[in-house]
Amino acid sequence: MSLTETLRLGRGGWSLRHPPRAIAELEVGDVVQVRRIRAPLSGKTGRLLQIVNGDPYGPYLVQFDDGFRFRYQRHELSPL
């Protein structure tokens, strides 16, 4: 067991508890995958075109291979 893992006693017995992973920062030009199941184009990969904080539709504008563009929230994307 590493130092970053801890044992936790729960209702089902002992289990390993992993610390939450830090969310990686995204930058324009990064390749991302849509990871939220109910988001449009779930599972598809695209390139991050623009980051606009305060946009009501989502700060991250992603363009896909077919030219389609859509805005997402950070929790809907994962970097590749």
PDB file of N, CA and C in Angstrom:
ATOM      1  N   MET A   1       0.851  -1.165   0.000  1.00  0.00           N
ATOM      2  CA  MET A   1       0.000   0.000   0.000  1.00  0.00           C
ATOM      3  C   MET A   1       0.900   1.232   0.000  1.00  0.00           C
ATOM      4  N   SER A   2       0.587   2.189  -0.841  1.00  0.00           N
ATOM      5  CA  SER A   2       1.399   3.405  -0.911  1.00  0.00           C
ATOM      6  C   SER A   2       0.963   4.394   0.168  1.00  0.00           C
ATOM      7  N   LEU A   3       1.736   5.441   0.290  1.00  0.00           N
ATOM      8  CA  LEU A   3       1.424   6.461   1.291  1.00  0.00           C
ATOM      9  C   LEU A   3       0.175   7.258   0.949  1.00  0.00           C
ATOM     10  N   THR A   4      -0.214   7.263  -0.347  1.00  0.00           N
ATOM     11  CA  THR A   4      -1.376   8.049  -0.748  1.00  0.00           C
ATOM     12  C   THR A   4      -2.678   7.285  -0.562  1.00  0.00           C
ATOM     13  N   GLU A   5      -2.590   5.996  -0.228  1.00  0.00           N
ATOM     14  CA  GLU A   5      -3.781   5.197  -0.004  1.00  0.00           C
ATOM     15  C   GLU A   5      -3.977   5.012   1.493  1.00  0.00           C
ATOM     16  N   THR A   6      -5.213   4.955   1.926  1.00  0.00           N
ATOM     17  CA  THR A   6      -5.496   4.731   3.338  1.00  0.00           C
ATOM     18  C   THR A   6      -6.549   3.646   3.462  1.00  0.00           C
ATOM     19  N   LEU A   7      -6.559   2.970   4.597  1.00  0.00           N
ATOM     20  CA  LEU A   7      -7.591   1.976   4.863  1.00  0.00           C
ATOM     21  C   LEU A   7      -8.775   2.666   5.515  1.00  0.00           C
ATOM     22  N   ARG A   8      -9.964   2.215   5.149  1.00  0.00           N
ATOM     23  CA  ARG A   8     -11.184   2.807   5.679  1.00  0.00           C
ATOM     24  C   ARG A   8     -12.125   1.689   6.081  1.00  0.00           C
ATOM     25  N   LEU A   9     -12.732   1.816   7.230  1.00  0.00           N
ATOM     26  CA  LEU A   9     -13.693   0.829   7.693  1.00  0.00           C
ATOM     27  C   LEU A   9     -15.087   1.331   7.371  1.00  0.00           C
ATOM     28  N   GLY A  10     -15.790   0.589   6.551  1.00  0.00           N
ATOM     29  CA  GLY A  10     -17.151   0.956   6.177  1.00  0.00           C
ATOM     30  C   GLY A  10     -18.116  -0.142   6.569  1.00  0.00           C
ATOM     31  N   ARG A  11     -19.336  -0.040   6.126  1.00  0.00           N
ATOM     32  CA  ARG A  11     -20.356  -1.042   6.466  1.00  0.00           C
ATOM     33  C   ARG A  11     -20.008  -2.416   5.906  1.00  0.00           C
ATOM     34  N   GLY A  12     -19.333  -2.435   4.759  1.00  0.00           N
ATOM     35  CA  GLY A  12     -18.982  -3.709   4.141  1.00  0.00           C
ATOM     36  C   GLY A  12     -17.641  -4.248   4.591  1.00  0.00           C
ATOM     37  N   GLY A  13     -16.985  -3.617   5.534  1.00  0.00           N
ATOM     38  CA  GLY A  13     -15.679  -4.066   6.004  1.00  0.00           C
ATOM     39  C   GLY A  13     -14.606  -3.066   5.618  1.00  0.00           C
ATOM     40  N   TRP A  14     -13.379  -3.529   5.597  1.00  0.00           N
ATOM     41  CA  TRP A  14     -12.251  -2.660   5.271  1.00  0.00           C
ATOM     42  C   TRP A  14     -12.137  -2.470   3.772  1.00  0.00           C
ATOM     43  N   SER A  15     -11.775  -1.270   3.342  1.00  0.00           N
ATOM     44  CA  SER A  15     -11.548  -1.004   1.916  1.00  0.00           C
ATOM     45  C   SER A  15     -10.443   0.033   1.787  1.00  0.00           C
ATOM     46  N   LEU A  16      -9.840   0.072   0.605  1.00  0.00           N
ATOM     47  CA  LEU A  16      -8.828   1.082   0.322  1.00  0.00           C
ATOM     48  C   LEU A  16      -9.509   2.356  -0.118  1.00  0.00           C
ATOM     49  N   ARG A  17      -9.029   3.460   0.387  1.00  0.00           N
ATOM     50  CA  ARG A  17      -9.581   4.749  -0.016  1.00  0.00           C
ATOM     51  C   ARG A  17      -8.495   5.509  -0.761  1.00  0.00           C
ATOM     52  N   HIS A  18      -8.789   5.873  -1.982  1.00  0.00           N
ATOM     53  CA  HIS A  18      -7.846   6.625  -2.794  1.00  0.00           C
ATOM     54  C   HIS A  18      -8.170   8.106  -2.690  1.00  0.00           C
ATOM     55  N   PRO A  19      -7.179   8.962  -2.580  1.00  0.00           N
ATOM     56  CA  PRO A  19      -7.459  10.398  -2.533  1.00  0.00           C
ATOM     57  C   PRO A  19      -8.002  10.866  -3.881  1.00  0.00           C
ATOM     58  N   PRO A  20      -8.820  11.900  -3.894  1.00  0.00           N
ATOM     59  CA  PRO A  20      -9.361  12.383  -5.170  1.00  0.00           C
ATOM     60  C   PRO A  20      -8.244  12.894  -6.070  1.00  0.00           C
ATOM     61  N   ARG A  21      -8.355  12.552  -7.354  1.00  0.00           N
ATOM     62  CA  ARG A  21      -7.350  13.006  -8.313  1.00  0.00           C
ATOM     63  C   ARG A  21      -7.595  14.467  -8.656  1.00  0.00           C
ATOM     64  N   ALA A  22      -6.534  15.194  -8.806  1.00  0.00           N
ATOM     65  CA  ALA A  22      -6.655  16.599  -9.194  1.00  0.00           C
ATOM     66  C   ALA A  22      -7.141  16.683 -10.631  1.00  0.00           C
ATOM     67  N   ILE A  23      -7.982  17.645 -10.901  1.00  0.00           N
ATOM     68  CA  ILE A  23      -8.478  17.836 -12.260  1.00  0.00           C
ATOM     69  C   ILE A  23      -7.406  18.563 -13.053  1.00  0.00           C
ATOM     70  N   ALA A  24      -6.996  17.940 -14.141  1.00  0.00           N
ATOM     71  CA  ALA A  24      -5.950  18.532 -14.973  1.00  0.00           C
ATOM     72  C   ALA A  24      -6.474  19.787 -15.650  1.00  0.00           C
ATOM     73  N   GLU A  25      -5.627  20.783 -15.736  1.00  0.00           N
ATOM     74  CA  GLU A  25      -5.990  22.016 -16.421  1.00  0.00           C
ATOM     75  C   GLU A  25      -6.039  21.767 -17.926  1.00  0.00           C
ATOM     76  N   LEU A  26      -6.994  22.363 -18.589  1.00  0.00           N
ATOM     77  CA  LEU A  26      -7.114  22.247 -20.041  1.00  0.00           C
ATOM     78  C   LEU A  26      -6.652  23.542 -20.686  1.00  0.00           C
ATOM     79  N   GLU A  27      -6.015  23.412 -21.834  1.00  0.00           N
ATOM     80  CA  GLU A  27      -5.558  24.567 -22.592  1.00  0.00           C
ATOM     81  C   GLU A  27      -6.066  24.461 -24.017  1.00  0.00           C
ATOM     82  N   VAL A  28      -6.167  25.594 -24.681  1.00  0.00           N
ATOM     83  CA  VAL A  28      -6.598  25.624 -26.077  1.00  0.00           C
ATOM     84  C   VAL A  28      -5.635  24.765 -26.893  1.00  0.00           C
ATOM     85  N   GLY A  29      -6.192  23.899 -27.732  1.00  0.00           N
ATOM     86  CA  GLY A  29      -5.392  23.004 -28.563  1.00  0.00           C
ATOM     87  C   GLY A  29      -5.314  21.592 -28.025  1.00  0.00           C
ATOM     88  N   ASP A  30      -5.690  21.384 -26.764  1.00  0.00           N
ATOM     89  CA  ASP A  30      -5.661  20.040 -26.171  1.00  0.00           C
ATOM     90  C   ASP A  30      -6.719  19.150 -26.812  1.00  0.00           C
ATOM     91  N   VAL A  31      -6.403  17.866 -26.925  1.00  0.00           N
ATOM     92  CA  VAL A  31      -7.374  16.873 -27.390  1.00  0.00           C
ATOM     93  C   VAL A  31      -8.104  16.361 -26.152  1.00  0.00           C
ATOM     94  N   VAL A  32      -9.428  16.384 -26.220  1.00  0.00           N
ATOM     95  CA  VAL A  32     -10.260  15.982 -25.085  1.00  0.00           C
ATOM     96  C   VAL A  32     -11.289  14.959 -25.533  1.00  0.00           C
ATOM     97  N   GLN A  33     -11.806  14.217 -24.561  1.00  0.00           N
ATOM     98  CA  GLN A  33     -12.876  13.265 -24.822  1.00  0.00           C
ATOM     99  C   GLN A  33     -14.079  13.655 -23.979  1.00  0.00           C
ATOM    100  N   VAL A  34     -15.252  13.572 -24.586  1.00  0.00           N
ATOM    101  CA  VAL A  34     -16.490  13.855 -23.852  1.00  0.00           C
ATOM    102  C   VAL A  34     -16.789  12.621 -23.021  1.00  0.00           C
ATOM    103  N   ARG A  35     -16.798  12.767 -21.697  1.00  0.00           N
ATOM    104  CA  ARG A  35     -16.942  11.605 -20.837  1.00  0.00           C
ATOM    105  C   ARG A  35     -18.293  11.489 -20.169  1.00  0.00           C
ATOM    106  N   ARG A  36     -19.097  12.523 -20.204  1.00  0.00           N
ATOM    107  CA  ARG A  36     -20.418  12.460 -19.567  1.00  0.00           C
ATOM    108  C   ARG A  36     -21.392  11.755 -20.506  1.00  0.00           C
ATOM    109  N   ILE A  37     -22.086  10.762 -19.990  1.00  0.00           N
ATOM    110  CA  ILE A  37     -22.937   9.912 -20.825  1.00  0.00           C
ATOM    111  C   ILE A  37     -24.069  10.688 -21.474  1.00  0.00           C
ATOM    112  N   ARG A  38     -24.687  11.611 -20.766  1.00  0.00           N
ATOM    113  CA  ARG A  38     -25.836  12.339 -21.312  1.00  0.00           C
ATOM    114  C   ARG A  38     -25.455  13.591 -22.090  1.00  0.00           C
ATOM    115  N   ALA A  39     -24.174  13.835 -22.266  1.00  0.00           N
ATOM    116  CA  ALA A  39     -23.722  15.000 -23.030  1.00  0.00           C
ATOM    117  C   ALA A  39     -23.752  14.666 -24.524  1.00  0.00           C
ATOM    118  N   PRO A  40     -23.964  15.662 -25.368  1.00  0.00           N
ATOM    119  CA  PRO A  40     -23.920  15.417 -26.812  1.00  0.00           C
ATOM    120  C   PRO A  40     -22.553  14.877 -27.228  1.00  0.00           C
ATOM    121  N   LEU A  41     -22.550  13.909 -28.111  1.00  0.00           N
ATOM    122  CA  LEU A  41     -21.349  13.267 -28.648  1.00  0.00           C
ATOM    123  C   LEU A  41     -20.519  12.589 -27.558  1.00  0.00           C
ATOM    124  N   SER A  42     -21.181  11.954 -26.636  1.00  0.00           N
ATOM    125  CA  SER A  42     -20.511  11.251 -25.546  1.00  0.00           C
ATOM    126  C   SER A  42     -19.557  10.196 -26.088  1.00  0.00           C
ATOM    127  N   GLY A  43     -18.336  10.168 -25.555  1.00  0.00           N
ATOM    128  CA  GLY A  43     -17.331   9.207 -25.978  1.00  0.00           C
ATOM    129  C   GLY A  43     -16.478   9.661 -27.144  1.00  0.00           C
ATOM    130  N   LYS A  44     -16.873  10.716 -27.816  1.00  0.00           N
ATOM    131  CA  LYS A  44     -16.120  11.221 -28.976  1.00  0.00           C
ATOM    132  C   LYS A  44     -14.959  12.096 -28.515  1.00  0.00           C
ATOM    133  N   THR A  45     -13.956  12.220 -29.371  1.00  0.00           N
ATOM    134  CA  THR A  45     -12.819  13.081 -29.076  1.00  0.00           C
ATOM    135  C   THR A  45     -12.836  14.293 -29.996  1.00  0.00           C
ATOM    136  N   GLY A  46     -12.306  15.380 -29.500  1.00  0.00           N
ATOM    137  CA  GLY A  46     -12.231  16.612 -30.273  1.00  0.00           C
ATOM    138  C   GLY A  46     -11.113  17.485 -29.743  1.00  0.00           C
ATOM    139  N   ARG A  47     -10.942  18.633 -30.383  1.00  0.00           N
ATOM    140  CA  ARG A  47      -9.885  19.561 -29.997  1.00  0.00           C
ATOM    141  C   ARG A  47     -10.518  20.787 -29.352  1.00  0.00           C
ATOM    142  N   LEU A  48      -9.913  21.229 -28.256  1.00  0.00           N
ATOM    143  CA  LEU A  48     -10.398  22.394 -27.528  1.00  0.00           C
ATOM    144  C   LEU A  48     -10.030  23.658 -28.299  1.00  0.00           C
ATOM    145  N   LEU A  49     -11.055  24.403 -28.738  1.00  0.00           N
ATOM    146  CA  LEU A  49     -10.834  25.598 -29.552  1.00  0.00           C
ATOM    147  C   LEU A  49     -10.762  26.882 -28.743  1.00  0.00           C
ATOM    148  N   GLN A  50     -11.573  26.955 -27.698  1.00  0.00           N
ATOM    149  CA  GLN A  50     -11.713  28.227 -27.001  1.00  0.00           C
ATOM    150  C   GLN A  50     -12.157  27.984 -25.564  1.00  0.00           C
ATOM    151  N   ILE A  51     -11.672  28.833 -24.658  1.00  0.00           N
ATOM    152  CA  ILE A  51     -12.124  28.816 -23.273  1.00  0.00           C
ATOM    153  C   ILE A  51     -12.624  30.220 -22.938  1.00  0.00           C
ATOM    154  N   VAL A  52     -13.924  30.322 -22.644  1.00  0.00           N
ATOM    155  CA  VAL A  52     -14.540  31.611 -22.322  1.00  0.00           C
ATOM    156  C   VAL A  52     -15.240  31.471 -20.983  1.00  0.00           C
ATOM    157  N   ASN A  53     -14.596  31.955 -19.924  1.00  0.00           N
ATOM    158  CA  ASN A  53     -15.209  31.894 -18.601  1.00  0.00           C
ATOM    159  C   ASN A  53     -16.447  32.781 -18.574  1.00  0.00           C
ATOM    160  N   GLY A  54     -17.488  32.278 -17.932  1.00  0.00           N
ATOM    161  CA  GLY A  54     -18.722  33.048 -17.820  1.00  0.00           C
ATOM    162  C   GLY A  54     -19.714  32.798 -18.943  1.00  0.00           C
ATOM    163  N   ASP A  55     -19.380  31.959 -19.906  1.00  0.00           N
ATOM    164  CA  ASP A  55     -20.330  31.640 -20.978  1.00  0.00           C
ATOM    165  C   ASP A  55     -21.440  30.770 -20.387  1.00  0.00           C
ATOM    166  N   PRO A  56     -22.705  31.139 -20.577  1.00  0.00           N
ATOM    167  CA  PRO A  56     -23.792  30.387 -19.955  1.00  0.00           C
ATOM    168  C   PRO A  56     -23.959  28.968 -20.503  1.00  0.00           C
ATOM    169  N   TYR A  57     -23.449  28.695 -21.692  1.00  0.00           N
ATOM    170  CA  TYR A  57     -23.582  27.365 -22.283  1.00  0.00           C
ATOM    171  C   TYR A  57     -22.419  26.455 -21.924  1.00  0.00           C
ATOM    172  N   GLY A  58     -21.342  26.981 -21.429  1.00  0.00           N
ATOM    173  CA  GLY A  58     -20.165  26.206 -21.063  1.00  0.00           C
ATOM    174  C   GLY A  58     -18.919  26.913 -21.530  1.00  0.00           C
ATOM    175  N   PRO A  59     -17.890  26.945 -20.721  1.00  0.00           N
ATOM    176  CA  PRO A  59     -16.683  27.696 -21.079  1.00  0.00           C
ATOM    177  C   PRO A  59     -15.791  27.016 -22.110  1.00  0.00           C
ATOM    178  N   TYR A  60     -15.960  25.712 -22.328  1.00  0.00           N
ATOM    179  CA  TYR A  60     -15.048  24.975 -23.211  1.00  0.00           C
ATOM    180  C   TYR A  60     -15.704  24.670 -24.552  1.00  0.00           C
ATOM    181  N   LEU A  61     -15.180  25.281 -25.621  1.00  0.00           N
ATOM    182  CA  LEU A  61     -15.682  25.038 -26.970  1.00  0.00           C
ATOM    183  C   LEU A  61     -14.824  23.959 -27.616  1.00  0.00           C
ATOM    184  N   VAL A  62     -15.449  22.842 -27.978  1.00  0.00           N
ATOM    185  CA  VAL A  62     -14.744  21.702 -28.556  1.00  0.00           C
ATOM    186  C   VAL A  62     -15.191  21.534 -30.008  1.00  0.00           C
ATOM    187  N   GLN A  63     -14.209  21.328 -30.905  1.00  0.00           N
ATOM    188  CA  GLN A  63     -14.521  21.042 -32.307  1.00  0.00           C
ATOM    189  C   GLN A  63     -14.162  19.590 -32.593  1.00  0.00           C
ATOM    190  N   PHE A  64     -15.086  18.898 -33.259  1.00  0.00           N
ATOM    191  CA  PHE A  64     -14.907  17.489 -33.586  1.00  0.00           C
ATOM    192  C   PHE A  64     -14.424  17.341 -35.023  1.00  0.00           C
ATOM    193  N   ASP A  65     -14.048  16.115 -35.415  1.00  0.00           N
ATOM    194  CA  ASP A  65     -13.469  15.853 -36.737  1.00  0.00           C
ATOM    195  C   ASP A  65     -14.384  16.255 -37.888  1.00  0.00           C
ATOM    196  N   ASP A  66     -15.694  16.160 -37.685  1.00  0.00           N
ATOM    197  CA  ASP A  66     -16.631  16.502 -38.755  1.00  0.00           C
ATOM    198  C   ASP A  66     -16.933  18.001 -38.825  1.00  0.00           C
ATOM    199  N   GLY A  67     -16.273  18.807 -37.970  1.00  0.00           N
ATOM    200  CA  GLY A  67     -16.468  20.251 -37.976  1.00  0.00           C
ATOM    201  C   GLY A  67     -17.497  20.750 -36.979  1.00  0.00           C
ATOM    202  N   PHE A  68     -18.232  19.836 -36.357  1.00  0.00           N
ATOM    203  CA  PHE A  68     -19.251  20.208 -35.381  1.00  0.00           C
ATOM    204  C   PHE A  68     -18.577  20.796 -34.147  1.00  0.00           C
ATOM    205  N   ARG A  69     -19.148  21.869 -33.607  1.00  0.00           N
ATOM    206  CA  ARG A  69     -18.632  22.524 -32.406  1.00  0.00           C
ATOM    207  C   ARG A  69     -19.706  22.537 -31.338  1.00  0.00           C
ATOM    208  N   PHE A  70     -19.274  22.319 -30.105  1.00  0.00           N
ATOM    209  CA  PHE A  70     -20.229  22.317 -28.992  1.00  0.00           C
ATOM    210  C   PHE A  70     -19.516  22.783 -27.732  1.00  0.00           C
ATOM    211  N   ARG A  71     -20.258  23.443 -26.824  1.00  0.00           N
ATOM    212  CA  ARG A  71     -19.691  23.940 -25.573  1.00  0.00           C
ATOM    213  C   ARG A  71     -19.999  22.957 -24.448  1.00  0.00           C
ATOM    214  N   TYR A  72     -18.999  22.755 -23.576  1.00  0.00           N
ATOM    215  CA  TYR A  72     -19.117  21.816 -22.465  1.00  0.00           C
ATOM    216  C   TYR A  72     -18.646  22.459 -21.173  1.00  0.00           C
ATOM    217  N   GLN A  73     -19.072  21.868 -20.066  1.00  0.00           N
ATOM    218  CA  GLN A  73     -18.559  22.203 -18.742  1.00  0.00           C
ATOM    219  C   GLN A  73     -17.318  21.348 -18.492  1.00  0.00           C
ATOM    220  N   ARG A  74     -16.500  21.726 -17.526  1.00  0.00           N
ATOM    221  CA  ARG A  74     -15.236  21.019 -17.266  1.00  0.00           C
ATOM    222  C   ARG A  74     -15.461  19.575 -16.853  1.00  0.00           C
ATOM    223  N   HIS A  75     -16.489  19.298 -16.052  1.00  0.00           N
ATOM    224  CA  HIS A  75     -16.717  17.939 -15.564  1.00  0.00           C
ATOM    225  C   HIS A  75     -17.175  16.986 -16.676  1.00  0.00           C
ATOM    226  N   GLU A  76     -17.513  17.517 -17.855  1.00  0.00           N
ATOM    227  CA  GLU A  76     -17.938  16.672 -18.968  1.00  0.00           C
ATOM    228  C   GLU A  76     -16.772  16.242 -19.862  1.00  0.00           C
ATOM    229  N   LEU A  77     -15.580  16.767 -19.619  1.00  0.00           N
ATOM    230  CA  LEU A  77     -14.430  16.507 -20.480  1.00  0.00           C
ATOM    231  C   LEU A  77     -13.286  15.844 -19.725  1.00  0.00           C
ATOM    232  N   SER A  78     -12.517  15.043 -20.452  1.00  0.00           N
ATOM    233  CA  SER A  78     -11.279  14.497 -19.875  1.00  0.00           C
ATOM    234  C   SER A  78     -10.171  14.658 -20.919  1.00  0.00           C
ATOM    235  N   PRO A  79      -8.985  15.080 -20.478  1.00  0.00           N
ATOM    236  CA  PRO A  79      -7.875  15.264 -21.418  1.00  0.00           C
ATOM    237  C   PRO A  79      -7.327  13.914 -21.880  1.00  0.00           C
ATOM    238  N   LEU A  80      -6.807  13.892 -23.093  1.00  0.00           N
ATOM    239  CA  LEU A  80      -6.155  12.681 -23.623  1.00  0.00           C
ATOM    240  C   LEU A  80      -4.683  12.914 -23.783  1.00  0.00           C
TER     241      LEU A  80
END
